[in-house]
Amino acid sequence: MTRAAAFILAGMTMAGAAVIAAPPKPAALAQAAPGLWEVAGYPGAKEPARECVADLAQLAQYEHRRQRCTSSLVSDRPPSTTIEYSCQGGGFGRSTLTMITPRSLRVETQGISDNLPFNYVLQARRVGDCPPRSSASAR
């Protein structure tokens, strides 16, 4: 085998591994659309937060939303899906997302964050499309 052929084969193998490593999209969330979601119920928050959500499964790790985490699908039986995740530097969780309607989700989540346990329920409601990015934020 030539060096070029070996390089191409190695690249295809790594690309295949990346596809395998990507978590599958939950069927339970198939009818819900990405966009601007209002999230209520976060402990200590006085008002709902508005979040631009590209992948609804990201709501499963709301407690760790600013961290790098890996996740796995535990159960996916519409209208609910359960996702477990662990984050770099510690912290992990398990969340069940239930689709009430395609524009309304319930997120039951628990785990460890900052070496302390958490357990709460969020209500997420799609309120529209994400605002377009300004040229200043695209830099």
Protein backbone atom coordinates (compact mmCIF):
# COMPACT_ATOMS: atom_id res chain seq x y z
CA MET A 1 0.00 0.00 0.00
CA THR A 2 1.37 3.40 -0.93
CA ARG A 3 1.84 6.13 1.64
CA ALA A 4 -0.95 8.20 0.02
CA ALA A 5 -3.39 5.28 0.11
CA ALA A 6 -2.56 4.61 3.76
CA PHE A 7 -3.13 8.30 4.57
CA ILE A 8 -6.52 8.30 2.81
CA LEU A 9 -7.57 5.07 4.56
CA ALA A 10 -6.56 6.49 7.95
CA GLY A 11 -8.51 9.68 7.24
CA MET A 12 -11.63 7.73 6.26
CA THR A 13 -11.33 5.62 9.42
CA MET A 14 -11.08 8.74 11.61
CA ALA A 15 -14.04 10.35 9.80
CA GLY A 16 -16.07 7.19 10.39
CA ALA A 17 -15.13 7.23 14.08
CA ALA A 18 -16.30 10.85 14.33
CA VAL A 19 -19.68 9.90 12.89
CA ILE A 20 -19.98 6.98 15.30
CA ALA A 21 -18.99 9.19 18.27
CA ALA A 22 -21.69 11.79 17.50
CA PRO A 23 -24.75 11.17 19.67
CA PRO A 24 -27.92 10.33 17.74
CA LYS A 25 -30.71 12.89 17.61
CA PRO A 26 -33.52 11.86 19.98
CA ALA A 27 -36.69 10.79 18.17
CA ALA A 28 -38.72 12.18 21.08
CA LEU A 29 -37.63 15.70 20.09
CA ALA A 30 -38.06 15.28 16.32
CA GLN A 31 -41.16 17.51 16.09
CA ALA A 32 -39.63 20.37 18.10
CA ALA A 33 -37.58 22.98 16.25
CA PRO A 34 -34.39 24.80 17.16
CA GLY A 35 -34.68 28.52 17.71
CA LEU A 36 -35.19 31.00 20.53
CA TRP A 37 -36.41 29.21 23.65
CA GLU A 38 -37.54 30.72 26.95
CA VAL A 39 -36.35 28.59 29.87
CA ALA A 40 -38.02 28.96 33.29
CA GLY A 41 -37.39 27.22 36.60
CA TYR A 42 -33.62 27.55 36.94
CA PRO A 43 -32.88 27.82 40.69
CA GLY A 44 -32.26 31.41 41.75
CA ALA A 45 -33.43 32.95 38.46
CA LYS A 46 -36.14 35.55 38.96
CA GLU A 47 -37.17 35.59 35.31
CA PRO A 48 -37.04 33.07 32.46
CA ALA A 49 -33.89 33.11 30.35
CA ARG A 50 -34.01 33.35 26.58
CA GLU A 51 -31.56 30.99 24.89
CA CYS A 52 -30.81 30.45 21.23
CA VAL A 53 -30.84 26.64 21.01
CA ALA A 54 -29.45 24.93 17.89
CA ASP A 55 -29.78 21.36 19.21
CA LEU A 56 -32.64 20.71 21.64
CA ALA A 57 -30.74 17.86 23.29
CA GLN A 58 -28.43 20.59 24.67
CA LEU A 59 -31.23 21.51 27.08
CA ALA A 60 -30.44 18.23 28.86
CA GLN A 61 -27.20 19.73 30.14
CA TYR A 62 -28.61 23.14 31.04
CA GLU A 63 -26.76 23.15 34.37
CA HIS A 64 -23.47 22.74 32.50
CA ARG A 65 -24.41 24.67 29.33
CA ARG A 66 -21.16 26.65 29.27
CA GLN A 67 -18.95 23.58 29.66
CA ARG A 68 -17.66 20.93 27.29
CA CYS A 69 -19.56 17.73 27.93
CA THR A 70 -20.07 14.38 26.27
CA SER A 71 -23.50 12.82 26.32
CA SER A 72 -25.18 9.52 25.66
CA LEU A 73 -28.77 8.65 24.95
CA VAL A 74 -30.14 6.36 27.66
CA SER A 75 -33.77 6.10 26.57
CA ASP A 76 -35.71 7.53 23.65
CA ARG A 77 -39.40 6.69 23.70
CA PRO A 78 -41.57 9.56 22.47
CA PRO A 79 -42.67 11.80 24.03
CA SER A 80 -39.63 11.51 26.39
CA THR A 81 -35.90 11.04 26.06
CA THR A 82 -33.31 10.54 28.81
CA ILE A 83 -29.74 11.74 28.35
CA GLU A 84 -26.72 11.26 30.61
CA TYR A 85 -23.67 13.48 30.29
CA SER A 86 -20.29 14.17 31.89
CA CYS A 87 -18.20 17.29 31.58
CA GLN A 88 -14.49 18.02 31.40
CA GLY A 89 -13.19 19.14 34.76
CA GLY A 90 -15.93 17.30 36.66
CA GLY A 91 -19.66 17.58 36.84
CA PHE A 92 -22.25 15.29 35.32
CA GLY A 93 -25.98 14.90 35.02
CA ARG A 94 -28.96 12.92 33.88
CA SER A 95 -31.95 14.63 32.33
CA THR A 96 -35.31 13.57 30.99
CA LEU A 97 -36.80 15.83 28.34
CA THR A 98 -40.52 15.44 27.71
CA MET A 99 -42.20 17.09 24.75
CA ILE A 100 -45.53 18.54 25.86
CA THR A 101 -46.10 20.14 22.44
CA PRO A 102 -43.59 20.87 19.65
CA ARG A 103 -43.16 24.33 21.25
CA SER A 104 -43.10 23.26 24.91
CA LEU A 105 -40.67 20.95 26.76
CA ARG A 106 -40.27 19.82 30.36
CA VAL A 107 -36.70 19.12 31.50
CA GLU A 108 -36.17 17.13 34.70
CA THR A 109 -32.47 17.24 35.55
CA GLN A 110 -30.18 16.12 38.35
CA GLY A 111 -26.49 15.54 38.91
CA ILE A 112 -23.36 17.14 40.36
CA SER A 113 -22.16 20.68 39.61
CA ASP A 114 -19.30 22.45 41.42
CA ASN A 115 -19.06 19.38 43.71
CA LEU A 116 -22.66 19.88 44.87
CA PRO A 117 -25.82 17.99 43.91
CA PHE A 118 -28.56 19.64 41.85
CA ASN A 119 -32.10 18.54 41.07
CA TYR A 120 -34.73 20.74 39.45
CA VAL A 121 -37.35 20.96 36.70
CA LEU A 122 -37.26 23.43 33.82
CA GLN A 123 -40.05 24.49 31.49
CA ALA A 124 -38.85 25.45 28.01
CA ARG A 125 -41.03 27.20 25.47
CA ARG A 126 -40.11 28.11 21.89
CA VAL A 127 -40.78 31.81 21.39
CA GLY A 128 -39.39 32.34 17.89
CA ASP A 129 -36.36 32.23 15.68
CA CYS A 130 -32.90 33.21 16.86
CA PRO A 131 -32.00 36.80 16.07
CA PRO A 132 -29.55 37.20 13.18
CA ARG A 133 -25.92 37.56 14.22
CA SER A 134 -24.50 41.02 13.80
CA SER A 135 -21.30 41.46 11.83
CA ALA A 136 -19.52 42.47 15.07
CA SER A 137 -20.34 39.17 16.78
CA ALA A 138 -19.33 37.14 13.73
CA ARG A 139 -15.66 38.14 14.13
